[in-house]
Protein backbone atom coordinates (compact mmCIF):
# COMPACT_ATOMS: atom_id res chain seq x y z
CA MET A 1 105.85 102.60 108.78
CA PHE A 2 105.40 104.70 105.64
CA VAL A 3 102.79 107.46 105.80
CA GLY A 4 100.79 109.18 103.07
CA ILE A 5 98.83 112.39 103.62
CA ASP A 6 96.01 113.49 101.32
CA HIS A 7 95.17 117.22 101.45
CA GLY A 8 91.57 116.75 100.33
CA THR A 9 88.88 119.35 99.75
CA THR A 10 87.12 118.77 103.06
CA ALA A 11 89.45 116.54 105.08
CA MET A 12 93.05 115.55 105.65
CA ARG A 13 93.38 111.78 105.24
CA PHE A 14 96.29 109.80 106.67
CA VAL A 15 97.31 106.25 105.73
CA GLY A 16 100.14 104.27 107.27
CA ILE A 17 101.63 101.18 105.62
CA ALA A 18 103.81 98.69 107.50
CA GLY A 19 104.35 95.46 105.59
CA ASP A 20 100.92 94.04 104.80
CA SER A 21 99.25 96.16 107.49
CA THR A 22 97.40 99.39 106.64
CA LYS A 23 95.96 101.90 109.10
CA LYS A 24 94.01 105.06 108.28
CA PHE A 25 92.22 108.02 109.78
CA GLU A 26 91.02 111.46 108.76
CA LEU A 27 90.73 114.95 110.22
CA LEU A 28 88.41 117.61 108.90
CA ARG A 29 90.49 120.50 107.63
CA ARG A 30 88.92 122.87 110.14
CA GLU A 31 89.79 120.41 112.94
CA ALA A 32 93.41 120.30 111.81
CA ALA A 33 93.48 124.11 111.63
CA ALA A 34 92.50 124.31 115.30
CA MET A 35 95.29 121.96 116.45
CA SER A 36 98.87 122.84 117.38
CA GLU A 37 101.72 121.30 115.41
CA SER A 38 102.64 119.04 118.32
CA GLU A 39 99.01 117.92 118.64
CA ILE A 40 98.97 116.93 114.97
CA ILE A 41 102.13 114.84 115.32
CA ASP A 42 100.81 113.25 118.53
CA THR A 43 97.53 112.44 116.76
CA ILE A 44 99.36 110.68 113.91
CA LEU A 45 101.43 108.62 116.34
CA GLN A 46 98.37 107.79 118.44
CA TYR A 47 96.16 106.65 115.56
CA PHE A 48 98.95 104.58 114.03
CA ASP A 49 100.06 103.29 117.46
CA ILE A 50 103.74 103.89 116.76
CA ASP A 51 106.71 105.81 118.13
CA LYS A 52 108.18 108.71 116.21
CA ASN A 53 111.30 106.76 115.24
CA GLU A 54 109.16 104.07 113.57
CA ILE A 55 108.15 106.45 110.75
CA LYS A 56 110.55 105.79 107.88
CA LEU A 57 109.18 108.34 105.40
CA ILE A 58 106.09 110.52 104.92
CA ALA A 59 104.75 111.67 101.54
CA VAL A 60 102.81 114.93 101.88
CA THR A 61 100.50 116.79 99.52
CA TYR A 62 99.67 120.47 99.88
CA SER A 63 97.25 122.69 97.97
CA MET A 64 97.87 123.06 94.22
CA GLY A 65 101.53 122.00 94.32
CA ASP A 66 102.22 124.34 91.40
CA GLY A 67 105.47 125.76 92.74
CA ILE A 68 107.49 122.58 92.17
CA THR A 69 107.85 120.04 89.34
CA VAL A 70 109.69 117.21 91.12
CA ILE A 71 109.29 115.34 94.39
CA GLU A 72 111.41 117.16 96.98
CA ASP A 73 112.38 116.69 100.58
CA VAL A 74 110.04 118.79 102.72
CA SER A 75 112.99 120.44 104.47
CA SER A 76 114.16 122.05 101.22
CA VAL A 77 110.80 123.18 99.81
CA VAL A 78 110.13 126.91 99.48
CA ALA A 79 106.66 128.35 100.21
CA ARG A 80 105.18 124.87 100.79
CA GLY A 81 105.62 124.13 97.07
CA VAL A 82 102.99 126.55 95.79
CA LYS A 83 103.10 129.77 93.80
CA SER A 84 100.26 131.21 95.86
CA ILE A 85 97.48 130.01 98.14
CA GLU A 86 95.08 132.19 96.15
CA GLY A 87 93.02 130.52 93.47
CA ALA A 88 90.40 127.79 93.27
CA GLY A 89 89.17 126.29 96.52
CA GLU A 90 88.33 127.07 100.12
CA LYS A 91 91.08 128.03 102.56
CA THR A 92 90.83 126.81 106.17
CA GLY A 93 94.46 126.64 107.27
CA GLY A 94 94.27 122.92 108.03
CA GLY A 95 96.55 121.85 105.19
CA ALA A 96 99.15 124.48 106.08
CA ARG A 97 99.07 123.43 109.74
CA VAL A 98 99.67 119.78 108.85
CA PHE A 99 102.44 120.65 106.38
CA ASP A 100 104.22 122.84 108.93
CA ALA A 101 103.80 120.22 111.64
CA ILE A 102 105.50 117.62 109.45
CA LYS A 103 108.26 119.98 108.31
CA ASN A 104 109.07 121.21 111.82
CA SER A 105 108.87 117.75 113.42
CA GLY A 106 112.16 116.57 111.97
CA LEU A 107 110.44 113.48 110.56
CA PRO A 108 111.71 112.36 107.13
CA ALA A 109 109.22 113.59 104.55
CA VAL A 110 108.84 114.41 100.87
CA LEU A 111 106.42 116.77 99.11
CA ILE A 112 104.63 115.64 95.96
CA PRO A 113 104.09 118.27 93.22
CA GLY A 114 100.94 119.01 91.31
CA ILE A 115 100.77 118.88 87.52
CA HIS A 116 100.82 122.26 85.78
CA ALA A 117 102.22 124.10 82.80
CA GLY A 118 105.78 123.63 84.06
CA SER A 119 105.44 119.85 84.35
CA ASN A 120 106.91 117.28 81.99
CA THR A 121 103.59 116.14 80.54
CA ASP A 122 102.03 116.34 77.08
CA PRO A 123 102.74 119.95 76.03
CA ARG A 124 99.31 120.34 74.45
CA MET A 125 97.80 120.23 77.94
CA ASN A 126 99.76 123.36 78.85
CA VAL A 127 97.10 125.57 77.30
CA PHE A 128 95.83 125.47 80.90
CA SER A 129 98.06 126.73 83.71
CA HIS A 130 97.12 123.92 86.06
CA SER A 131 96.01 120.32 85.53
CA THR A 132 95.77 118.65 88.91
CA SER A 133 96.76 118.98 92.55
CA PRO A 134 99.25 116.56 94.17
CA GLU A 135 96.85 114.13 95.84
CA LYS A 136 95.74 112.93 92.39
CA ILE A 137 99.33 111.75 91.86
CA GLY A 138 98.79 109.57 94.90
CA ILE A 139 95.60 108.13 93.39
CA ALA A 140 97.33 107.46 90.07
CA TYR A 141 100.25 105.75 91.79
CA HIS A 142 97.87 103.58 93.79
CA ALA A 143 96.27 102.56 90.48
CA GLN A 144 99.69 101.72 89.05
CA CYS A 145 100.40 99.59 92.12
CA HIS A 146 97.47 97.43 90.98
CA GLY A 147 99.69 96.41 88.07
CA TYR A 148 98.74 98.83 85.30
CA ASP A 149 100.87 101.26 83.28
CA ASP A 150 98.15 102.60 80.95
CA PHE A 151 95.04 103.97 82.62
CA VAL A 152 92.64 106.82 83.27
CA VAL A 153 91.66 107.81 86.82
CA SER A 154 88.65 110.02 87.51
CA ASP A 155 88.44 111.30 91.08
CA ILE A 156 84.87 112.37 91.79
CA SER A 157 83.88 114.08 95.03
CA SER A 158 83.57 117.76 95.92
CA ASN A 159 85.08 118.30 92.49
CA THR A 160 85.98 116.11 89.52
CA VAL A 161 89.53 115.70 88.22
CA THR A 162 90.64 113.12 85.64
CA VAL A 163 94.22 111.95 85.08
CA GLY A 164 95.85 109.96 82.27
CA VAL A 165 98.89 107.68 82.52
CA ALA A 166 100.55 106.16 79.46
CA ASN A 167 103.45 103.71 79.55
CA GLY A 168 103.83 104.34 83.27
CA LYS A 169 104.12 108.11 82.87
CA LEU A 170 101.56 110.76 83.76
CA VAL A 171 100.85 112.57 80.49
CA GLY A 172 97.94 114.87 81.30
CA ALA A 173 94.98 115.77 83.47
CA ILE A 174 91.84 117.91 83.43
CA ASP A 175 91.44 120.07 86.51
CA ALA A 176 88.26 120.81 88.46
CA CYS A 177 87.82 124.36 87.13
CA ILE A 178 88.02 123.29 83.48
CA PHE A 179 85.40 120.67 82.67
CA ALA A 180 83.26 118.28 84.74
CA PRO A 181 81.45 119.55 87.84
CA GLY A 182 81.62 117.81 91.19
CA VAL A 183 79.28 118.09 94.13
CA HIS A 184 80.47 121.56 95.22
CA HIS A 185 82.92 122.85 92.61
CA GLY A 186 82.87 123.29 88.87
CA PRO A 187 83.85 125.45 85.90
CA LEU A 188 82.50 128.97 85.48
CA ASP A 189 79.66 129.16 82.99
CA LEU A 190 78.28 132.26 81.27
CA GLN A 191 76.15 133.37 84.22
CA ALA A 192 79.04 132.89 86.63
CA ILE A 193 81.27 135.06 84.44
CA ARG A 194 78.58 137.73 84.37
CA ASP A 195 78.24 137.55 88.18
CA VAL A 196 82.01 137.94 88.61
CA ASP A 197 82.13 140.89 86.22
CA ALA A 198 79.20 142.50 88.05
CA GLY A 199 81.02 142.19 91.36
CA ILE A 200 78.38 139.87 92.82
CA CYS A 201 81.05 137.32 93.73
CA THR A 202 84.73 136.56 93.17
CA ALA A 203 85.84 134.00 90.61
CA ASN A 204 86.81 131.65 93.43
CA GLU A 205 83.39 132.02 95.05
CA ALA A 206 81.79 131.22 91.72
CA PHE A 207 84.00 128.13 91.36
CA ILE A 208 83.22 126.69 94.79
CA HIS A 209 79.48 127.03 94.15
CA ALA A 210 79.45 125.76 90.56
CA GLY A 211 78.90 122.08 91.38
CA VAL A 212 75.65 120.16 91.02
CA LEU A 213 74.42 121.19 94.48
CA LYS A 214 73.58 124.64 93.12
CA ASN A 215 70.42 123.23 91.51
CA THR A 216 69.28 121.35 94.61
CA THR A 217 68.25 122.07 98.21
CA TYR A 218 70.89 119.76 99.68
CA ALA A 219 73.50 121.33 101.95
CA GLY A 220 76.35 118.95 101.17
CA ARG A 221 77.60 115.67 99.77
CA LYS A 222 76.24 113.54 102.62
CA GLU A 223 72.71 114.91 102.21
CA LEU A 224 72.92 114.48 98.45
CA LEU A 225 73.95 110.83 98.66
CA GLU A 226 71.34 110.13 101.33
CA GLY A 227 68.70 111.70 99.07
CA ALA A 228 69.86 109.52 96.18
CA THR A 229 69.65 106.43 98.38
CA ARG A 230 66.04 107.36 99.12
CA GLY A 231 65.40 107.74 95.40
CA GLU A 232 64.72 111.49 95.47
CA LYS A 233 64.52 112.88 91.93
CA SER A 234 66.62 116.00 92.49
CA ALA A 235 69.44 113.95 94.04
CA LEU A 236 69.38 111.39 91.25
CA LEU A 237 69.41 114.15 88.62
CA ALA A 238 72.45 115.72 90.31
CA LEU A 239 74.28 112.38 90.30
CA ASP A 240 73.20 111.70 86.71
CA THR A 241 74.79 115.05 85.81
CA ILE A 242 78.02 114.21 87.61
CA ALA A 243 78.16 110.78 85.97
CA LEU A 244 77.55 112.18 82.49
CA PHE A 245 80.21 114.89 82.68
CA ALA A 246 82.73 112.63 84.44
CA THR A 247 82.25 110.13 81.61
CA MET A 248 82.85 112.84 79.00
CA GLU A 249 86.01 113.86 80.85
CA ILE A 250 87.20 110.24 80.96
CA VAL A 251 86.61 109.93 77.21
CA SER A 252 88.60 113.13 76.66
CA ILE A 253 91.62 111.69 78.46
CA LYS A 254 91.15 108.40 76.57
CA MET A 255 91.54 110.42 73.38
CA LEU A 256 94.84 111.81 74.69
CA LEU A 257 96.10 108.31 75.52
CA LYS A 258 95.21 107.10 72.01
CA ASP A 259 98.15 109.14 70.76
CA TYR A 260 100.37 107.00 72.98
CA GLY A 261 98.99 103.72 71.62
CA CYS A 262 97.49 102.74 74.96
CA ASP A 263 94.72 100.27 75.74
CA GLU A 264 93.80 101.82 79.02
CA LYS A 265 92.07 100.65 82.22
CA ILE A 266 89.51 103.00 83.80
CA PHE A 267 89.64 103.71 87.54
CA LEU A 268 87.17 105.70 89.64
CA ALA A 269 88.06 107.27 92.98
CA GLY A 270 86.56 109.65 95.53
CA SER A 271 83.52 109.49 97.78
CA VAL A 272 81.12 110.01 94.86
CA GLY A 273 83.22 107.91 92.49
CA GLU A 274 82.67 104.91 94.76
CA PHE A 275 78.90 105.45 95.11
CA ASP A 276 77.20 102.50 93.37
CA TYR A 277 74.62 104.59 91.50
CA VAL A 278 77.34 106.77 89.94
CA VAL A 279 79.59 103.79 89.19
CA ASP A 280 76.77 101.98 87.41
CA LYS A 281 75.91 105.07 85.35
CA ILE A 282 79.53 105.61 84.26
CA ASN A 283 79.93 101.92 83.44
CA ALA A 284 76.80 102.11 81.27
CA HIS A 285 77.95 105.29 79.51
CA LEU A 286 81.39 103.85 78.75
CA GLY A 287 80.28 100.31 78.03
CA VAL A 288 83.02 98.95 80.29
CA LYS A 289 83.35 98.05 83.96
CA CYS A 290 85.46 100.58 85.82
CA HIS A 291 87.67 99.57 88.73
CA VAL A 292 86.72 101.45 91.92
CA LEU A 293 89.53 102.68 94.17
CA GLY A 294 87.57 104.67 96.76
CA LYS A 295 88.20 107.79 98.80
CA TRP A 296 91.30 106.48 100.62
CA SER A 297 93.25 105.86 97.41
CA ALA A 298 95.07 109.23 97.44
CA ALA A 299 96.51 108.82 100.94
CA THR A 300 97.24 105.14 100.27
CA GLY A 301 99.04 105.99 97.04
CA CYS A 302 101.09 108.65 98.83
CA ALA A 303 102.10 106.07 101.45
CA GLU A 304 103.10 103.73 98.60
CA ILE A 305 105.16 106.55 97.08
CA ALA A 306 106.91 107.03 100.43
CA ARG A 307 107.57 103.29 100.67
CA ASP A 308 109.03 103.05 97.18
CA ILE A 309 111.15 106.21 97.45
CA ALA A 310 112.57 104.87 100.71
CA GLY A 311 113.29 101.67 98.78
CA GLY A 312 115.33 103.57 96.18
CA ALA A 313 112.81 104.72 93.55
CA LYS A 314 113.92 107.89 91.74
CA ASP A 315 110.92 108.19 89.42
CA ILE A 316 107.20 108.14 90.25
CA LEU A 317 104.90 108.15 87.19
CA GLY A 318 107.59 110.07 85.31
CA ILE A 319 108.04 112.60 88.14
CA LYS A 320 111.61 112.68 89.41
CA TYR A 321 112.56 112.44 93.05
CA CYS A 322 115.25 115.06 93.68
CA PRO A 323 116.44 114.94 97.31
C-alpha cells in the first residue's frame, strides 16, 4: 500500500492506495496532538487493515514546507522541512506529532516541499516569500493523474489557495494570505493592519480571522454550509464572496499560464470547493464547467506521488525527488 498524508488546516487526512483499492480516514489535528507516536502508527494500520511491512512508501506534508525545495526522504530532512513554525495559521501540534511518528517508525517515507521564493517556479511569483504549502502539490498531482498537463487548481476551504501547472510543471501559486479569503483565513486589509499596529492582535491572529466568517454569526464552516443549505442570506452572501474572489484568483493564474501557451483545465478542491452552490457560482463567473476534485484530493495525490516515486519517478510536477 502507498499512503498519502494531508496536513490540512483543521484535520490530518490519510489515504491508502493498493492497486485499484483506496481507503481513507481523517483525524482532527487536536486529536492527533493528543496521541502518542505509537498510537498514530497503530491507527494508520488499523484503519487501512494492513501490517507495517505492507506499507511500501508514505508521502507526508508538513506545515509550510518552506525549508526544502525538493522531495526528500523523511529520514534526512532537517527541522521537518520548514524554516519556522511561526507564521500564518493555527498551531495545535497534531501535524508535528504525525510527522515525528512517521519519521521515528522506520517506515519508508518522503516529505513533499511547499512552493516558495526558493522554488523553481516562475521567478515573477517570487515577489512573495511563499506561494503554497505542500498539500496543494498533492492536489495538483491528483489533477495531473486525471490526464492533464495544463491546469489551474483552486483549493477552497478554511482558506483559498490557487495553483497553476503548465506543460506538466508547477509554475506558480497564490497563497492564502495574499488574495482570496476562505471561510476562516484571508489577507490583511487596512483595518487589520491598523489593529496589528495598535497591538490589538498579532498579524497571525488577524490572518486567521480574516475569512468570510468575520461578517457572520456562524462559528465555523459546518454551520456556514448548513446555513447556506437553508437559504440564509448571510451564509449565501459569505459563499458568494468566496466564489467571487476564488474566481478572480483563478483568472489571475490563468493569466500566468497564458505566457506558457496553455489551454488550461480548471479544477476545484476543498470542502467549500466541492459545495454545489459555490461550484455553480464559479462556473457561472468563468463561463466554463470546472472539474471538482473534493476534499480528499490532497491526501489522494500524495498517495499517488508515493506510488509513482516507488515506481521510479524522479520528477513530480517539475519538483525533483532527491533521496
